């Protein structure tokens, strides 16, 4: 029997915004956008468009998320985690979508980098 039990700490709930790019409907964002393929996949991966050094949390909070098939997320040659050009294409698309309702300065303050050339 423990005299002084360790207090239980509760994990803070993060606010998870819906994707600003698409509705989660089983379709791969890249398949639809780049190839016109509207196949509904059984497995779809949630991809945080901006990640590393706190950017994953920002992606969650602001909806910088796309849903990708495994081929376009991690497995294939055109996967965002394997192909930098495809990754930049997705990042630029998210920035354009965000800038429809916000300024570029607001985006730069959040992410710290401009992806539209």
PDB file of N, CA and C in Angstrom:
ATOM      1  N   UNK A   1       0.840  -1.181   0.000  1.00  0.00           N
ATOM      2  CA  UNK A   1       0.000   0.000   0.000  1.00  0.00           C
ATOM      3  C   UNK A   1       0.886   1.247   0.000  1.00  0.00           C
ATOM      4  N   UNK A   2       0.561   2.157  -0.886  1.00  0.00           N
ATOM      5  CA  UNK A   2       1.330   3.389  -1.014  1.00  0.00           C
ATOM      6  C   UNK A   2       0.668   4.480  -0.187  1.00  0.00           C
ATOM      7  N   UNK A   3       1.479   5.134   0.654  1.00  0.00           N
ATOM      8  CA  UNK A   3       0.933   6.197   1.492  1.00  0.00           C
ATOM      9  C   UNK A   3       0.604   7.453   0.699  1.00  0.00           C
ATOM     10  N   UNK A   4       1.502   7.804  -0.196  1.00  0.00           N
ATOM     11  CA  UNK A   4       1.326   9.031  -0.959  1.00  0.00           C
ATOM     12  C   UNK A   4       1.301   8.678  -2.446  1.00  0.00           C
ATOM     13  N   UNK A   5       0.146   8.397  -2.994  1.00  0.00           N
ATOM     14  CA  UNK A   5       0.082   8.011  -4.406  1.00  0.00           C
ATOM     15  C   UNK A   5       0.485   9.170  -5.313  1.00  0.00           C
ATOM     16  N   UNK A   6       1.084   8.798  -6.407  1.00  0.00           N
ATOM     17  CA  UNK A   6       1.507   9.791  -7.390  1.00  0.00           C
ATOM     18  C   UNK A   6       0.264  10.407  -8.033  1.00  0.00           C
ATOM     19  N   UNK A   7       0.215  11.732  -8.081  1.00  0.00           N
ATOM     20  CA  UNK A   7      -0.964  12.358  -8.694  1.00  0.00           C
ATOM     21  C   UNK A   7      -1.026  12.037 -10.190  1.00  0.00           C
ATOM     22  N   UNK A   8      -2.220  11.757 -10.665  1.00  0.00           N
ATOM     23  CA  UNK A   8      -2.415  11.454 -12.072  1.00  0.00           C
ATOM     24  C   UNK A   8      -2.447  12.755 -12.867  1.00  0.00           C
ATOM     25  N   UNK A   9      -1.647  12.817 -13.904  1.00  0.00           N
ATOM     26  CA  UNK A   9      -1.659  14.004 -14.755  1.00  0.00           C
ATOM     27  C   UNK A   9      -2.457  13.683 -16.013  1.00  0.00           C
ATOM     28  N   UNK A  10      -3.226  14.652 -16.433  1.00  0.00           N
ATOM     29  CA  UNK A  10      -4.026  14.466 -17.633  1.00  0.00           C
ATOM     30  C   UNK A  10      -3.321  15.123 -18.800  1.00  0.00           C
ATOM     31  N   UNK A  11      -3.343  14.416 -19.917  1.00  0.00           N
ATOM     32  CA  UNK A  11      -2.749  14.949 -21.125  1.00  0.00           C
ATOM     33  C   UNK A  11      -3.666  16.041 -21.684  1.00  0.00           C
ATOM     34  N   UNK A  12      -3.064  17.148 -22.064  1.00  0.00           N
ATOM     35  CA  UNK A  12      -3.856  18.234 -22.634  1.00  0.00           C
ATOM     36  C   UNK A  12      -4.380  17.800 -23.999  1.00  0.00           C
ATOM     37  N   UNK A  13      -5.633  18.091 -24.236  1.00  0.00           N
ATOM     38  CA  UNK A  13      -6.223  17.777 -25.533  1.00  0.00           C
ATOM     39  C   UNK A  13      -5.830  18.858 -26.532  1.00  0.00           C
ATOM     40  N   UNK A  14      -5.325  18.401 -27.665  1.00  0.00           N
ATOM     41  CA  UNK A  14      -4.981  19.345 -28.707  1.00  0.00           C
ATOM     42  C   UNK A  14      -6.210  19.628 -29.550  1.00  0.00           C
ATOM     43  N   UNK A  15      -6.249  20.810 -30.096  1.00  0.00           N
ATOM     44  CA  UNK A  15      -7.328  21.177 -30.997  1.00  0.00           C
ATOM     45  C   UNK A  15      -6.946  20.696 -32.388  1.00  0.00           C
ATOM     46  N   UNK A  16      -7.763  19.838 -32.982  1.00  0.00           N
ATOM     47  CA  UNK A  16      -7.498  19.302 -34.309  1.00  0.00           C
ATOM     48  C   UNK A  16      -8.515  19.879 -35.285  1.00  0.00           C
ATOM     49  N   UNK A  17      -8.060  20.762 -36.138  1.00  0.00           N
ATOM     50  CA  UNK A  17      -8.946  21.371 -37.125  1.00  0.00           C
ATOM     51  C   UNK A  17      -9.139  20.419 -38.301  1.00  0.00           C
ATOM     52  N   UNK A  18     -10.242  20.595 -38.996  1.00  0.00           N
ATOM     53  CA  UNK A  18     -10.477  19.838 -40.220  1.00  0.00           C
ATOM     54  C   UNK A  18      -9.494  20.334 -41.279  1.00  0.00           C
ATOM     55  N   UNK A  19      -9.202  19.485 -42.236  1.00  0.00           N
ATOM     56  CA  UNK A  19      -8.298  19.846 -43.320  1.00  0.00           C
ATOM     57  C   UNK A  19      -8.879  21.003 -44.124  1.00  0.00           C
ATOM     58  N   UNK A  20      -8.038  21.971 -44.470  1.00  0.00           N
ATOM     59  CA  UNK A  20      -8.490  23.071 -45.315  1.00  0.00           C
ATOM     60  C   UNK A  20      -8.470  22.658 -46.780  1.00  0.00           C
ATOM     61  N   UNK A  21      -7.916  21.493 -47.071  1.00  0.00           N
ATOM     62  CA  UNK A  21      -7.746  21.044 -48.448  1.00  0.00           C
ATOM     63  C   UNK A  21      -8.845  20.100 -48.923  1.00  0.00           C
ATOM     64  N   UNK A  22      -9.377  19.276 -48.044  1.00  0.00           N
ATOM     65  CA  UNK A  22     -10.325  18.264 -48.479  1.00  0.00           C
ATOM     66  C   UNK A  22     -11.104  17.692 -47.314  1.00  0.00           C
ATOM     67  N   UNK A  23     -12.162  17.013 -47.647  1.00  0.00           N
ATOM     68  CA  UNK A  23     -12.946  16.272 -46.673  1.00  0.00           C
ATOM     69  C   UNK A  23     -12.416  14.843 -46.673  1.00  0.00           C
ATOM     70  N   UNK A  24     -12.329  14.242 -45.506  1.00  0.00           N
ATOM     71  CA  UNK A  24     -11.842  12.863 -45.440  1.00  0.00           C
ATOM     72  C   UNK A  24     -12.934  11.945 -45.993  1.00  0.00           C
ATOM     73  N   UNK A  25     -12.727  11.487 -47.221  1.00  0.00           N
ATOM     74  CA  UNK A  25     -13.739  10.688 -47.893  1.00  0.00           C
ATOM     75  C   UNK A  25     -13.159   9.420 -48.535  1.00  0.00           C
ATOM     76  N   UNK A  26     -11.937   9.062 -48.172  1.00  0.00           N
ATOM     77  CA  UNK A  26     -11.321   7.859 -48.715  1.00  0.00           C
ATOM     78  C   UNK A  26     -10.580   8.076 -50.019  1.00  0.00           C
ATOM     79  N   UNK A  27     -10.542   9.313 -50.479  1.00  0.00           N
ATOM     80  CA  UNK A  27      -9.832   9.611 -51.726  1.00  0.00           C
ATOM     81  C   UNK A  27      -8.476  10.238 -51.407  1.00  0.00           C
ATOM     82  N   UNK A  28      -7.506   9.899 -52.229  1.00  0.00           N
ATOM     83  CA  UNK A  28      -6.159  10.465 -52.095  1.00  0.00           C
ATOM     84  C   UNK A  28      -6.150  11.846 -52.745  1.00  0.00           C
ATOM     85  N   UNK A  29      -5.680  12.839 -52.007  1.00  0.00           N
ATOM     86  CA  UNK A  29      -5.654  14.206 -52.522  1.00  0.00           C
ATOM     87  C   UNK A  29      -4.780  14.306 -53.768  1.00  0.00           C
ATOM     88  N   UNK A  30      -3.622  13.658 -53.765  1.00  0.00           N
ATOM     89  CA  UNK A  30      -2.726  13.724 -54.922  1.00  0.00           C
ATOM     90  C   UNK A  30      -3.285  12.976 -56.122  1.00  0.00           C
ATOM     91  N   UNK A  31      -3.902  11.831 -55.893  1.00  0.00           N
ATOM     92  CA  UNK A  31      -4.511  11.082 -57.003  1.00  0.00           C
ATOM     93  C   UNK A  31      -5.551  11.949 -57.712  1.00  0.00           C
ATOM     94  N   UNK A  32      -6.375  12.625 -56.938  1.00  0.00           N
ATOM     95  CA  UNK A  32      -7.430  13.459 -57.509  1.00  0.00           C
ATOM     96  C   UNK A  32      -6.838  14.690 -58.171  1.00  0.00           C
ATOM     97  N   UNK A  33      -5.976  15.396 -57.452  1.00  0.00           N
ATOM     98  CA  UNK A  33      -5.447  16.683 -57.930  1.00  0.00           C
ATOM     99  C   UNK A  33      -4.498  16.546 -59.112  1.00  0.00           C
ATOM    100  N   UNK A  34      -3.595  15.591 -59.052  1.00  0.00           N
ATOM    101  CA  UNK A  34      -2.570  15.484 -60.086  1.00  0.00           C
ATOM    102  C   UNK A  34      -2.942  14.534 -61.228  1.00  0.00           C
ATOM    103  N   UNK A  35      -3.752  13.526 -60.927  1.00  0.00           N
ATOM    104  CA  UNK A  35      -3.991  12.484 -61.937  1.00  0.00           C
ATOM    105  C   UNK A  35      -5.465  12.296 -62.292  1.00  0.00           C
ATOM    106  N   UNK A  36      -6.368  12.999 -61.628  1.00  0.00           N
ATOM    107  CA  UNK A  36      -7.783  12.857 -61.928  1.00  0.00           C
ATOM    108  C   UNK A  36      -8.350  11.492 -61.564  1.00  0.00           C
ATOM    109  N   UNK A  37      -7.711  10.806 -60.628  1.00  0.00           N
ATOM    110  CA  UNK A  37      -8.134   9.474 -60.198  1.00  0.00           C
ATOM    111  C   UNK A  37      -8.992   9.626 -58.939  1.00  0.00           C
ATOM    112  N   UNK A  38     -10.266   9.273 -59.039  1.00  0.00           N
ATOM    113  CA  UNK A  38     -11.203   9.438 -57.925  1.00  0.00           C
ATOM    114  C   UNK A  38     -11.481   8.127 -57.189  1.00  0.00           C
ATOM    115  N   UNK A  39     -10.549   7.197 -57.241  1.00  0.00           N
ATOM    116  CA  UNK A  39     -10.696   5.912 -56.560  1.00  0.00           C
ATOM    117  C   UNK A  39     -10.838   6.128 -55.057  1.00  0.00           C
ATOM    118  N   UNK A  40     -11.723   5.370 -54.434  1.00  0.00           N
ATOM    119  CA  UNK A  40     -11.856   5.405 -52.977  1.00  0.00           C
ATOM    120  C   UNK A  40     -11.007   4.265 -52.426  1.00  0.00           C
ATOM    121  N   UNK A  41     -10.055   4.603 -51.567  1.00  0.00           N
ATOM    122  CA  UNK A  41      -9.114   3.637 -51.015  1.00  0.00           C
ATOM    123  C   UNK A  41      -9.591   3.121 -49.666  1.00  0.00           C
ATOM    124  N   UNK A  42      -9.288   1.883 -49.402  1.00  0.00           N
ATOM    125  CA  UNK A  42      -9.619   1.283 -48.109  1.00  0.00           C
ATOM    126  C   UNK A  42      -8.717   1.880 -47.025  1.00  0.00           C
ATOM    127  N   UNK A  43      -7.453   2.085 -47.358  1.00  0.00           N
ATOM    128  CA  UNK A  43      -6.491   2.675 -46.423  1.00  0.00           C
ATOM    129  C   UNK A  43      -6.091   4.055 -46.931  1.00  0.00           C
ATOM    130  N   UNK A  44      -6.234   5.038 -46.083  1.00  0.00           N
ATOM    131  CA  UNK A  44      -5.852   6.400 -46.432  1.00  0.00           C
ATOM    132  C   UNK A  44      -5.038   6.957 -45.261  1.00  0.00           C
ATOM    133  N   UNK A  45      -3.944   7.647 -45.549  1.00  0.00           N
ATOM    134  CA  UNK A  45      -3.062   8.162 -44.507  1.00  0.00           C
ATOM    135  C   UNK A  45      -3.251   9.664 -44.335  1.00  0.00           C
ATOM    136  N   UNK A  46      -3.206  10.093 -43.093  1.00  0.00           N
ATOM    137  CA  UNK A  46      -3.272  11.520 -42.768  1.00  0.00           C
ATOM    138  C   UNK A  46      -1.849  12.070 -42.855  1.00  0.00           C
ATOM    139  N   UNK A  47      -1.641  13.052 -43.733  1.00  0.00           N
ATOM    140  CA  UNK A  47      -0.309  13.629 -43.919  1.00  0.00           C
ATOM    141  C   UNK A  47      -0.302  15.065 -43.420  1.00  0.00           C
ATOM    142  N   UNK A  48       0.580  15.335 -42.456  1.00  0.00           N
ATOM    143  CA  UNK A  48       0.787  16.700 -41.971  1.00  0.00           C
ATOM    144  C   UNK A  48       1.717  17.373 -42.973  1.00  0.00           C
ATOM    145  N   UNK A  49       1.222  18.356 -43.674  1.00  0.00           N
ATOM    146  CA  UNK A  49       1.964  18.960 -44.774  1.00  0.00           C
ATOM    147  C   UNK A  49       3.251  19.617 -44.283  1.00  0.00           C
ATOM    148  N   UNK A  50       3.213  20.252 -43.136  1.00  0.00           N
ATOM    149  CA  UNK A  50       4.403  20.865 -42.556  1.00  0.00           C
ATOM    150  C   UNK A  50       4.721  20.103 -41.276  1.00  0.00           C
ATOM    151  N   UNK A  51       5.951  19.633 -41.152  1.00  0.00           N
ATOM    152  CA  UNK A  51       6.309  18.821 -39.996  1.00  0.00           C
ATOM    153  C   UNK A  51       7.727  19.156 -39.558  1.00  0.00           C
ATOM    154  N   UNK A  52       8.062  18.775 -38.336  1.00  0.00           N
ATOM    155  CA  UNK A  52       9.387  19.057 -37.785  1.00  0.00           C
ATOM    156  C   UNK A  52       9.412  20.362 -37.033  1.00  0.00           C
ATOM    157  N   UNK A  53      10.119  20.412 -35.933  1.00  0.00           N
ATOM    158  CA  UNK A  53      10.331  21.607 -35.112  1.00  0.00           C
ATOM    159  C   UNK A  53       9.038  22.354 -34.792  1.00  0.00           C
ATOM    160  N   UNK A  54       8.028  21.630 -34.331  1.00  0.00           N
ATOM    161  CA  UNK A  54       6.775  22.234 -33.914  1.00  0.00           C
ATOM    162  C   UNK A  54       5.781  22.495 -35.025  1.00  0.00           C
ATOM    163  N   UNK A  55       6.160  22.241 -36.269  1.00  0.00           N
ATOM    164  CA  UNK A  55       5.260  22.520 -37.386  1.00  0.00           C
ATOM    165  C   UNK A  55       4.134  21.497 -37.491  1.00  0.00           C
ATOM    166  N   UNK A  56       4.354  20.299 -36.975  1.00  0.00           N
ATOM    167  CA  UNK A  56       3.298  19.277 -36.992  1.00  0.00           C
ATOM    168  C   UNK A  56       2.095  19.755 -36.158  1.00  0.00           C
ATOM    169  N   UNK A  57       2.362  20.331 -35.011  1.00  0.00           N
ATOM    170  CA  UNK A  57       1.298  20.864 -34.159  1.00  0.00           C
ATOM    171  C   UNK A  57       0.562  21.995 -34.869  1.00  0.00           C
ATOM    172  N   UNK A  58       1.300  22.871 -35.539  1.00  0.00           N
ATOM    173  CA  UNK A  58       0.694  23.969 -36.292  1.00  0.00           C
ATOM    174  C   UNK A  58      -0.162  23.419 -37.427  1.00  0.00           C
ATOM    175  N   UNK A  59       0.325  22.377 -38.092  1.00  0.00           N
ATOM    176  CA  UNK A  59      -0.457  21.743 -39.155  1.00  0.00           C
ATOM    177  C   UNK A  59      -1.773  21.209 -38.612  1.00  0.00           C
ATOM    178  N   UNK A  60      -1.726  20.591 -37.445  1.00  0.00           N
ATOM    179  CA  UNK A  60      -2.945  20.071 -36.814  1.00  0.00           C
ATOM    180  C   UNK A  60      -3.908  21.199 -36.465  1.00  0.00           C
ATOM    181  N   UNK A  61      -3.398  22.264 -35.872  1.00  0.00           N
ATOM    182  CA  UNK A  61      -4.248  23.357 -35.412  1.00  0.00           C
ATOM    183  C   UNK A  61      -4.915  24.122 -36.548  1.00  0.00           C
ATOM    184  N   UNK A  62      -4.218  24.258 -37.683  1.00  0.00           N
ATOM    185  CA  UNK A  62      -4.716  25.084 -38.781  1.00  0.00           C
ATOM    186  C   UNK A  62      -5.274  24.277 -39.950  1.00  0.00           C
ATOM    187  N   UNK A  63      -5.251  22.958 -39.853  1.00  0.00           N
ATOM    188  CA  UNK A  63      -5.829  22.131 -40.910  1.00  0.00           C
ATOM    189  C   UNK A  63      -4.934  21.958 -42.116  1.00  0.00           C
ATOM    190  N   UNK A  64      -3.621  22.071 -41.917  1.00  0.00           N
ATOM    191  CA  UNK A  64      -2.680  21.861 -43.020  1.00  0.00           C
ATOM    192  C   UNK A  64      -2.450  20.359 -43.175  1.00  0.00           C
ATOM    193  N   UNK A  65      -3.506  19.661 -43.573  1.00  0.00           N
ATOM    194  CA  UNK A  65      -3.500  18.201 -43.639  1.00  0.00           C
ATOM    195  C   UNK A  65      -4.106  17.779 -44.964  1.00  0.00           C
ATOM    196  N   UNK A  66      -3.529  16.749 -45.576  1.00  0.00           N
ATOM    197  CA  UNK A  66      -4.140  16.100 -46.730  1.00  0.00           C
ATOM    198  C   UNK A  66      -4.181  14.609 -46.450  1.00  0.00           C
ATOM    199  N   UNK A  67      -5.110  13.937 -47.085  1.00  0.00           N
ATOM    200  CA  UNK A  67      -5.232  12.492 -46.941  1.00  0.00           C
ATOM    201  C   UNK A  67      -4.686  11.854 -48.211  1.00  0.00           C
ATOM    202  N   UNK A  68      -3.743  10.927 -48.031  1.00  0.00           N
ATOM    203  CA  UNK A  68      -3.045  10.323 -49.158  1.00  0.00           C
ATOM    204  C   UNK A  68      -3.125   8.803 -49.120  1.00  0.00           C
ATOM    205  N   UNK A  69      -3.110   8.202 -50.312  1.00  0.00           N
ATOM    206  CA  UNK A  69      -3.009   6.748 -50.395  1.00  0.00           C
ATOM    207  C   UNK A  69      -1.584   6.363 -49.996  1.00  0.00           C
ATOM    208  N   UNK A  70      -1.350   5.124 -49.579  1.00  0.00           N
ATOM    209  CA  UNK A  70       0.012   4.722 -49.183  1.00  0.00           C
ATOM    210  C   UNK A  70       1.049   4.955 -50.281  1.00  0.00           C
ATOM    211  N   UNK A  71       0.648   4.788 -51.532  1.00  0.00           N
ATOM    212  CA  UNK A  71       1.551   4.993 -52.667  1.00  0.00           C
ATOM    213  C   UNK A  71       2.069   6.430 -52.719  1.00  0.00           C
ATOM    214  N   UNK A  72       1.214   7.386 -52.439  1.00  0.00           N
ATOM    215  CA  UNK A  72       1.618   8.792 -52.491  1.00  0.00           C
ATOM    216  C   UNK A  72       2.098   9.340 -51.155  1.00  0.00           C
ATOM    217  N   UNK A  73       1.958   8.568 -50.084  1.00  0.00           N
ATOM    218  CA  UNK A  73       2.421   9.042 -48.784  1.00  0.00           C
ATOM    219  C   UNK A  73       3.836   8.569 -48.485  1.00  0.00           C
ATOM    220  N   UNK A  74       4.089   7.258 -48.541  1.00  0.00           N
ATOM    221  CA  UNK A  74       5.408   6.761 -48.131  1.00  0.00           C
ATOM    222  C   UNK A  74       6.018   5.720 -49.055  1.00  0.00           C
ATOM    223  N   UNK A  75       5.224   5.004 -49.834  1.00  0.00           N
ATOM    224  CA  UNK A  75       5.736   3.833 -50.541  1.00  0.00           C
ATOM    225  C   UNK A  75       6.329   4.133 -51.912  1.00  0.00           C
ATOM    226  N   UNK A  76       5.588   4.812 -52.758  1.00  0.00           N
ATOM    227  CA  UNK A  76       5.961   4.958 -54.164  1.00  0.00           C
ATOM    228  C   UNK A  76       7.022   5.998 -54.445  1.00  0.00           C
ATOM    229  N   UNK A  77       7.487   6.040 -55.699  1.00  0.00           N
ATOM    230  CA  UNK A  77       8.501   7.023 -56.087  1.00  0.00           C
ATOM    231  C   UNK A  77       7.979   8.457 -56.082  1.00  0.00           C
ATOM    232  N   UNK A  78       6.672   8.629 -56.173  1.00  0.00           N
ATOM    233  CA  UNK A  78       6.071   9.968 -56.128  1.00  0.00           C
ATOM    234  C   UNK A  78       5.464  10.256 -54.762  1.00  0.00           C
ATOM    235  N   UNK A  79       5.928   9.564 -53.737  1.00  0.00           N
ATOM    236  CA  UNK A  79       5.444   9.764 -52.364  1.00  0.00           C
ATOM    237  C   UNK A  79       6.029  11.052 -51.789  1.00  0.00           C
ATOM    238  N   UNK A  80       5.230  11.756 -51.004  1.00  0.00           N
ATOM    239  CA  UNK A  80       5.676  13.039 -50.448  1.00  0.00           C
ATOM    240  C   UNK A  80       6.871  12.893 -49.514  1.00  0.00           C
ATOM    241  N   UNK A  81       7.029  11.734 -48.896  1.00  0.00           N
ATOM    242  CA  UNK A  81       8.180  11.533 -48.007  1.00  0.00           C
ATOM    243  C   UNK A  81       9.417  11.031 -48.754  1.00  0.00           C
ATOM    244  N   UNK A  82       9.304  10.812 -50.051  1.00  0.00           N
ATOM    245  CA  UNK A  82      10.439  10.354 -50.851  1.00  0.00           C
ATOM    246  C   UNK A  82      10.826  11.329 -51.959  1.00  0.00           C
ATOM    247  N   UNK A  83       9.900  12.167 -52.381  1.00  0.00           N
ATOM    248  CA  UNK A  83      10.113  13.023 -53.532  1.00  0.00           C
ATOM    249  C   UNK A  83       9.900  14.478 -53.118  1.00  0.00           C
ATOM    250  N   UNK A  84      10.973  15.245 -53.092  1.00  0.00           N
ATOM    251  CA  UNK A  84      10.903  16.621 -52.617  1.00  0.00           C
ATOM    252  C   UNK A  84      10.041  17.499 -53.521  1.00  0.00           C
ATOM    253  N   UNK A  85      10.056  17.257 -54.835  1.00  0.00           N
ATOM    254  CA  UNK A  85       9.249  18.064 -55.755  1.00  0.00           C
ATOM    255  C   UNK A  85       7.757  17.875 -55.476  1.00  0.00           C
ATOM    256  N   UNK A  86       7.342  16.656 -55.217  1.00  0.00           N
ATOM    257  CA  UNK A  86       5.940  16.382 -54.903  1.00  0.00           C
ATOM    258  C   UNK A  86       5.578  17.011 -53.556  1.00  0.00           C
ATOM    259  N   UNK A  87       6.484  16.914 -52.595  1.00  0.00           N
ATOM    260  CA  UNK A  87       6.248  17.517 -51.283  1.00  0.00           C
ATOM    261  C   UNK A  87       6.083  19.037 -51.411  1.00  0.00           C
ATOM    262  N   UNK A  88       6.930  19.682 -52.196  1.00  0.00           N
ATOM    263  CA  UNK A  88       6.823  21.134 -52.393  1.00  0.00           C
ATOM    264  C   UNK A  88       5.525  21.502 -53.115  1.00  0.00           C
ATOM    265  N   UNK A  89       5.083  20.651 -54.051  1.00  0.00           N
ATOM    266  CA  UNK A  89       3.818  20.872 -54.754  1.00  0.00           C
ATOM    267  C   UNK A  89       2.658  20.916 -53.757  1.00  0.00           C
ATOM    268  N   UNK A  90       2.634  19.973 -52.834  1.00  0.00           N
ATOM    269  CA  UNK A  90       1.580  19.907 -51.817  1.00  0.00           C
ATOM    270  C   UNK A  90       1.681  21.110 -50.881  1.00  0.00           C
ATOM    271  N   UNK A  91       2.889  21.452 -50.452  1.00  0.00           N
ATOM    272  CA  UNK A  91       3.067  22.586 -49.546  1.00  0.00           C
ATOM    273  C   UNK A  91       2.625  23.899 -50.193  1.00  0.00           C
ATOM    274  N   UNK A  92       2.955  24.091 -51.469  1.00  0.00           N
ATOM    275  CA  UNK A  92       2.542  25.306 -52.180  1.00  0.00           C
ATOM    276  C   UNK A  92       1.029  25.356 -52.322  1.00  0.00           C
ATOM    277  N   UNK A  93       0.394  24.222 -52.579  1.00  0.00           N
ATOM    278  CA  UNK A  93      -1.065  24.178 -52.710  1.00  0.00           C
ATOM    279  C   UNK A  93      -1.739  24.551 -51.386  1.00  0.00           C
ATOM    280  N   UNK A  94      -1.200  24.059 -50.287  1.00  0.00           N
ATOM    281  CA  UNK A  94      -1.757  24.390 -48.971  1.00  0.00           C
ATOM    282  C   UNK A  94      -1.568  25.875 -48.682  1.00  0.00           C
ATOM    283  N   UNK A  95      -0.416  26.416 -49.014  1.00  0.00           N
ATOM    284  CA  UNK A  95      -0.185  27.840 -48.792  1.00  0.00           C
ATOM    285  C   UNK A  95      -1.172  28.676 -49.613  1.00  0.00           C
ATOM    286  N   UNK A  96      -1.388  28.314 -50.884  1.00  0.00           N
ATOM    287  CA  UNK A  96      -2.344  29.054 -51.716  1.00  0.00           C
ATOM    288  C   UNK A  96      -3.748  29.017 -51.099  1.00  0.00           C
ATOM    289  N   UNK A  97      -4.144  27.846 -50.627  1.00  0.00           N
ATOM    290  CA  UNK A  97      -5.475  27.702 -50.017  1.00  0.00           C
ATOM    291  C   UNK A  97      -5.582  28.554 -48.755  1.00  0.00           C
ATOM    292  N   UNK A  98      -4.553  28.549 -47.923  1.00  0.00           N
ATOM    293  CA  UNK A  98      -4.553  29.343 -46.689  1.00  0.00           C
ATOM    294  C   UNK A  98      -4.620  30.832 -47.007  1.00  0.00           C
ATOM    295  N   UNK A  99      -3.921  31.247 -48.050  1.00  0.00           N
ATOM    296  CA  UNK A  99      -3.857  32.666 -48.400  1.00  0.00           C
ATOM    297  C   UNK A  99      -5.140  33.177 -49.051  1.00  0.00           C
ATOM    298  N   UNK A 100      -6.101  32.303 -49.304  1.00  0.00           N
ATOM    299  CA  UNK A 100      -7.396  32.764 -49.795  1.00  0.00           C
ATOM    300  C   UNK A 100      -8.160  33.504 -48.691  1.00  0.00           C
ATOM    301  N   UNK A 101      -7.875  33.175 -47.442  1.00  0.00           N
ATOM    302  CA  UNK A 101      -8.574  33.800 -46.314  1.00  0.00           C
ATOM    303  C   UNK A 101      -7.633  34.531 -45.359  1.00  0.00           C
ATOM    304  N   UNK A 102      -6.325  34.434 -45.586  1.00  0.00           N
ATOM    305  CA  UNK A 102      -5.334  35.076 -44.723  1.00  0.00           C
ATOM    306  C   UNK A 102      -4.279  35.753 -45.599  1.00  0.00           C
ATOM    307  N   UNK A 103      -3.389  36.483 -44.973  1.00  0.00           N
ATOM    308  CA  UNK A 103      -2.318  37.148 -45.719  1.00  0.00           C
ATOM    309  C   UNK A 103      -1.072  36.270 -45.749  1.00  0.00           C
ATOM    310  N   UNK A 104      -0.184  36.598 -46.659  1.00  0.00           N
ATOM    311  CA  UNK A 104       1.087  35.887 -46.738  1.00  0.00           C
ATOM    312  C   UNK A 104       1.911  36.111 -45.471  1.00  0.00           C
ATOM    313  N   UNK A 105       1.805  37.297 -44.893  1.00  0.00           N
ATOM    314  CA  UNK A 105       2.544  37.594 -43.663  1.00  0.00           C
ATOM    315  C   UNK A 105       2.092  36.673 -42.529  1.00  0.00           C
ATOM    316  N   UNK A 106       0.785  36.405 -42.457  1.00  0.00           N
ATOM    317  CA  UNK A 106       0.274  35.492 -41.433  1.00  0.00           C
ATOM    318  C   UNK A 106       0.813  34.080 -41.650  1.00  0.00           C
ATOM    319  N   UNK A 107       0.866  33.664 -42.907  1.00  0.00           N
ATOM    320  CA  UNK A 107       1.409  32.342 -43.206  1.00  0.00           C
ATOM    321  C   UNK A 107       2.885  32.272 -42.834  1.00  0.00           C
ATOM    322  N   UNK A 108       3.632  33.298 -43.189  1.00  0.00           N
ATOM    323  CA  UNK A 108       5.065  33.341 -42.898  1.00  0.00           C
ATOM    324  C   UNK A 108       5.310  33.348 -41.387  1.00  0.00           C
ATOM    325  N   UNK A 109       4.440  34.000 -40.649  1.00  0.00           N
ATOM    326  CA  UNK A 109       4.576  34.024 -39.192  1.00  0.00           C
ATOM    327  C   UNK A 109       4.360  32.628 -38.601  1.00  0.00           C
ATOM    328  N   UNK A 110       3.430  31.882 -39.179  1.00  0.00           N
ATOM    329  CA  UNK A 110       3.158  30.518 -38.707  1.00  0.00           C
ATOM    330  C   UNK A 110       4.254  29.536 -39.100  1.00  0.00           C
ATOM    331  N   UNK A 111       4.574  29.493 -40.404  1.00  0.00           N
ATOM    332  CA  UNK A 111       5.446  28.459 -40.963  1.00  0.00           C
ATOM    333  C   UNK A 111       6.889  28.934 -41.092  1.00  0.00           C
ATOM    334  N   UNK A 112       7.093  30.207 -41.367  1.00  0.00           N
ATOM    335  CA  UNK A 112       8.446  30.746 -41.464  1.00  0.00           C
ATOM    336  C   UNK A 112       9.091  30.601 -42.828  1.00  0.00           C
ATOM    337  N   UNK A 113       8.308  30.185 -43.830  1.00  0.00           N
ATOM    338  CA  UNK A 113       8.876  29.979 -45.150  1.00  0.00           C
ATOM    339  C   UNK A 113       7.793  30.142 -46.216  1.00  0.00           C
ATOM    340  N   UNK A 114       8.161  30.673 -47.372  1.00  0.00           N
ATOM    341  CA  UNK A 114       7.246  30.839 -48.482  1.00  0.00           C
ATOM    342  C   UNK A 114       7.467  29.707 -49.480  1.00  0.00           C
ATOM    343  N   UNK A 115       6.408  28.988 -49.827  1.00  0.00           N
ATOM    344  CA  UNK A 115       6.518  27.844 -50.749  1.00  0.00           C
ATOM    345  C   UNK A 115       6.018  28.176 -52.142  1.00  0.00           C
ATOM    346  N   UNK A 116       5.448  29.365 -52.330  1.00  0.00           N
ATOM    347  CA  UNK A 116       4.981  29.764 -53.653  1.00  0.00           C
ATOM    348  C   UNK A 116       6.085  30.548 -54.338  1.00  0.00           C
ATOM    349  N   UNK A 117       6.488  30.074 -55.489  1.00  0.00           N
ATOM    350  CA  UNK A 117       7.576  30.738 -56.212  1.00  0.00           C
ATOM    351  C   UNK A 117       7.051  31.677 -57.276  1.00  0.00           C
TER     352      UNK A 117
END
